[in-house]
């Protein structure tokens, strides 16, 4: 392992020129290492916990720091799953609201048409309702907005309460 590492370091120094003068931001280091790991070509898409620990130790990361980072990663993975479920629930809610609006608007247009041989006031209702549904959809499906974060937190709390109840 040490000989392989020494050989890799020699190859890096030979290919990279003056390695001591170059500096990298943390994001750049992460991207470069990710690309190198992907190019490594060992055919592994999944790594064991011991392989992860070995890689971390080679990079000078302690087992405690790795465990803490792994916990944060697991929480983020859970949040991503929750976010996908929430987005699906919000999309379904908006579709249901759109369907209800279409049914009521269709009825109002039909009623207006029968009463006056052409739709008049019902189009205003249709446009108003469509605008409200569009604005709701726009603010509900934009993850960066405060309203989205508030709805997501409320949804997570409700799911947690349901999980605790069962």
Protein backbone atom coordinates (compact mmCIF):
# COMPACT_ATOMS: atom_id res chain seq x y z
CA UNK A 1 0.00 0.00 0.00
CA UNK A 2 2.81 2.43 0.93
CA UNK A 3 4.77 1.57 -2.22
CA UNK A 4 1.66 2.15 -4.33
CA UNK A 5 1.11 5.50 -2.63
CA UNK A 6 4.77 6.52 -3.17
CA UNK A 7 4.46 5.54 -6.84
CA UNK A 8 1.25 7.58 -7.17
CA UNK A 9 2.89 10.59 -5.53
CA UNK A 10 5.83 10.34 -7.94
CA UNK A 11 3.43 10.18 -10.89
CA UNK A 12 1.54 13.21 -9.59
CA UNK A 13 4.71 15.26 -9.16
CA UNK A 14 5.95 14.28 -12.62
CA UNK A 15 2.64 15.14 -14.30
CA UNK A 16 1.74 18.22 -12.31
CA UNK A 17 4.91 20.30 -12.58
CA UNK A 18 5.49 22.48 -9.54
CA UNK A 19 2.91 20.98 -7.18
CA UNK A 20 4.01 23.09 -4.19
CA UNK A 21 3.15 26.42 -5.84
CA UNK A 22 -0.41 25.49 -6.83
CA UNK A 23 -3.28 25.90 -4.35
CA UNK A 24 -6.85 24.62 -4.50
CA UNK A 25 -10.12 25.62 -2.88
CA UNK A 26 -11.94 22.93 -0.90
CA UNK A 27 -14.62 22.58 -3.60
CA UNK A 28 -11.90 22.06 -6.21
CA UNK A 29 -10.19 19.41 -4.08
CA UNK A 30 -13.48 17.55 -3.63
CA UNK A 31 -14.22 17.67 -7.35
CA UNK A 32 -10.70 16.56 -8.34
CA UNK A 33 -10.77 13.66 -5.88
CA UNK A 34 -14.25 12.66 -7.02
CA UNK A 35 -13.13 12.63 -10.65
CA UNK A 36 -9.98 10.68 -9.77
CA UNK A 37 -11.98 8.13 -7.81
CA UNK A 38 -14.42 7.72 -10.70
CA UNK A 39 -11.53 7.31 -13.17
CA UNK A 40 -9.72 4.85 -10.94
CA UNK A 41 -11.34 2.06 -12.89
CA UNK A 42 -11.37 -0.59 -10.19
CA UNK A 43 -14.90 -1.50 -11.22
CA UNK A 44 -16.32 -0.72 -7.79
CA UNK A 45 -19.41 1.41 -7.50
CA UNK A 46 -19.94 0.53 -3.86
CA UNK A 47 -17.34 0.67 -1.13
CA UNK A 48 -17.39 -1.00 2.26
CA UNK A 49 -17.18 0.94 5.50
CA UNK A 50 -13.63 -0.39 6.01
CA UNK A 51 -12.61 0.86 2.54
CA UNK A 52 -14.11 4.26 3.35
CA UNK A 53 -12.21 4.36 6.63
CA UNK A 54 -8.99 3.35 4.89
CA UNK A 55 -9.40 6.14 2.30
CA UNK A 56 -10.16 8.66 5.02
CA UNK A 57 -7.09 7.65 7.03
CA UNK A 58 -4.93 8.00 3.91
CA UNK A 59 -6.24 11.54 3.55
CA UNK A 60 -5.48 12.32 7.20
CA UNK A 61 -9.10 12.24 8.33
CA UNK A 62 -9.63 10.73 11.77
CA UNK A 63 -12.14 7.96 12.37
CA UNK A 64 -14.12 10.32 14.65
CA UNK A 65 -14.32 13.03 11.96
CA UNK A 66 -15.36 10.40 9.43
CA UNK A 67 -18.10 9.09 11.74
CA UNK A 68 -19.40 12.64 12.32
CA UNK A 69 -19.37 13.36 8.58
CA UNK A 70 -21.13 10.07 7.91
CA UNK A 71 -23.90 10.99 10.37
CA UNK A 72 -24.39 14.37 8.68
CA UNK A 73 -24.45 12.62 5.29
CA UNK A 74 -27.09 10.15 6.50
CA UNK A 75 -29.26 13.01 7.79
CA UNK A 76 -28.93 14.80 4.44
CA UNK A 77 -29.85 11.61 2.58
CA UNK A 78 -32.98 11.36 4.73
CA UNK A 79 -33.79 15.01 4.05
CA UNK A 80 -33.38 14.46 0.30
CA UNK A 81 -35.78 11.53 0.45
CA UNK A 82 -38.23 13.60 2.49
CA UNK A 83 -37.86 16.46 0.01
CA UNK A 84 -38.69 14.17 -2.92
CA UNK A 85 -41.77 12.84 -1.08
CA UNK A 86 -42.83 16.38 -0.17
CA UNK A 87 -42.46 17.58 -3.76
CA UNK A 88 -44.59 14.64 -4.95
CA UNK A 89 -47.23 15.44 -2.31
CA UNK A 90 -47.24 19.14 -3.26
CA UNK A 91 -47.53 18.29 -6.95
CA UNK A 92 -50.46 15.99 -6.18
CA UNK A 93 -52.10 18.71 -4.04
CA UNK A 94 -51.78 21.22 -6.88
CA UNK A 95 -53.15 18.72 -9.42
CA UNK A 96 -56.17 18.07 -7.21
CA UNK A 97 -56.73 21.79 -6.77
CA UNK A 98 -56.40 22.30 -10.52
CA UNK A 99 -58.91 19.51 -11.15
CA UNK A 100 -61.42 21.00 -8.70
CA UNK A 101 -60.94 24.42 -10.30
CA UNK A 102 -61.51 22.98 -13.77
CA UNK A 103 -64.71 21.21 -12.70
CA UNK A 104 -66.17 24.26 -10.93
CA UNK A 105 -65.09 26.62 -13.71
CA UNK A 106 -66.58 24.31 -16.35
CA UNK A 107 -69.86 24.26 -14.45
CA UNK A 108 -69.86 28.06 -14.09
CA UNK A 109 -69.08 28.57 -17.79
CA UNK A 110 -71.88 26.16 -18.73
CA UNK A 111 -74.29 27.94 -16.39
CA UNK A 112 -73.25 31.36 -17.77
CA UNK A 113 -73.56 30.10 -21.35
CA UNK A 114 -77.06 28.73 -20.76
CA UNK A 115 -78.15 31.99 -19.09
CA UNK A 116 -76.78 34.42 -21.68
CA UNK A 117 -75.93 32.40 -24.83
CA UNK A 118 -72.24 33.17 -24.36
CA UNK A 119 -69.82 33.07 -21.44
CA UNK A 120 -69.14 36.47 -19.87
CA UNK A 121 -68.66 36.75 -16.10
CA UNK A 122 -67.61 33.11 -15.75
CA UNK A 123 -64.42 33.80 -17.73
CA UNK A 124 -63.37 36.29 -15.06
CA UNK A 125 -63.89 33.62 -12.41
CA UNK A 126 -61.91 31.14 -14.54
CA UNK A 127 -59.01 33.57 -15.00
CA UNK A 128 -58.98 34.55 -11.32
CA UNK A 129 -59.00 30.96 -10.13
CA UNK A 130 -56.34 30.01 -12.66
CA UNK A 131 -54.15 32.87 -11.47
CA UNK A 132 -54.51 31.82 -7.83
CA UNK A 133 -53.68 28.20 -8.60
CA UNK A 134 -50.70 29.25 -10.72
CA UNK A 135 -49.31 31.49 -7.97
CA UNK A 136 -49.80 28.74 -5.39
CA UNK A 137 -47.99 26.24 -7.62
CA UNK A 138 -45.17 28.69 -8.27
CA UNK A 139 -44.52 29.42 -4.60
CA UNK A 140 -45.10 25.83 -3.48
CA UNK A 141 -42.59 24.26 -5.86
CA UNK A 142 -39.70 26.71 -5.42
CA UNK A 143 -37.35 25.19 -2.80
CA UNK A 144 -35.54 28.47 -2.13
CA UNK A 145 -38.58 30.37 -0.89
CA UNK A 146 -39.52 30.95 2.73
CA UNK A 147 -43.04 29.65 2.10
CA UNK A 148 -41.64 26.40 0.72
CA UNK A 149 -39.37 25.93 3.74
CA UNK A 150 -42.27 26.65 6.10
CA UNK A 151 -44.54 24.13 4.33
CA UNK A 152 -41.77 21.54 4.20
CA UNK A 153 -41.05 21.90 7.93
CA UNK A 154 -44.76 21.60 8.74
CA UNK A 155 -45.03 18.54 6.50
CA UNK A 156 -42.01 16.91 8.16
CA UNK A 157 -43.46 17.61 11.61
CA UNK A 158 -46.77 16.07 10.57
CA UNK A 159 -45.02 12.98 9.16
CA UNK A 160 -42.97 12.64 12.33
CA UNK A 161 -46.11 12.90 14.46
CA UNK A 162 -47.79 10.23 12.30
CA UNK A 163 -44.72 7.99 12.62
CA UNK A 164 -44.66 8.49 16.39
CA UNK A 165 -48.36 7.66 16.61
CA UNK A 166 -48.01 4.32 14.82
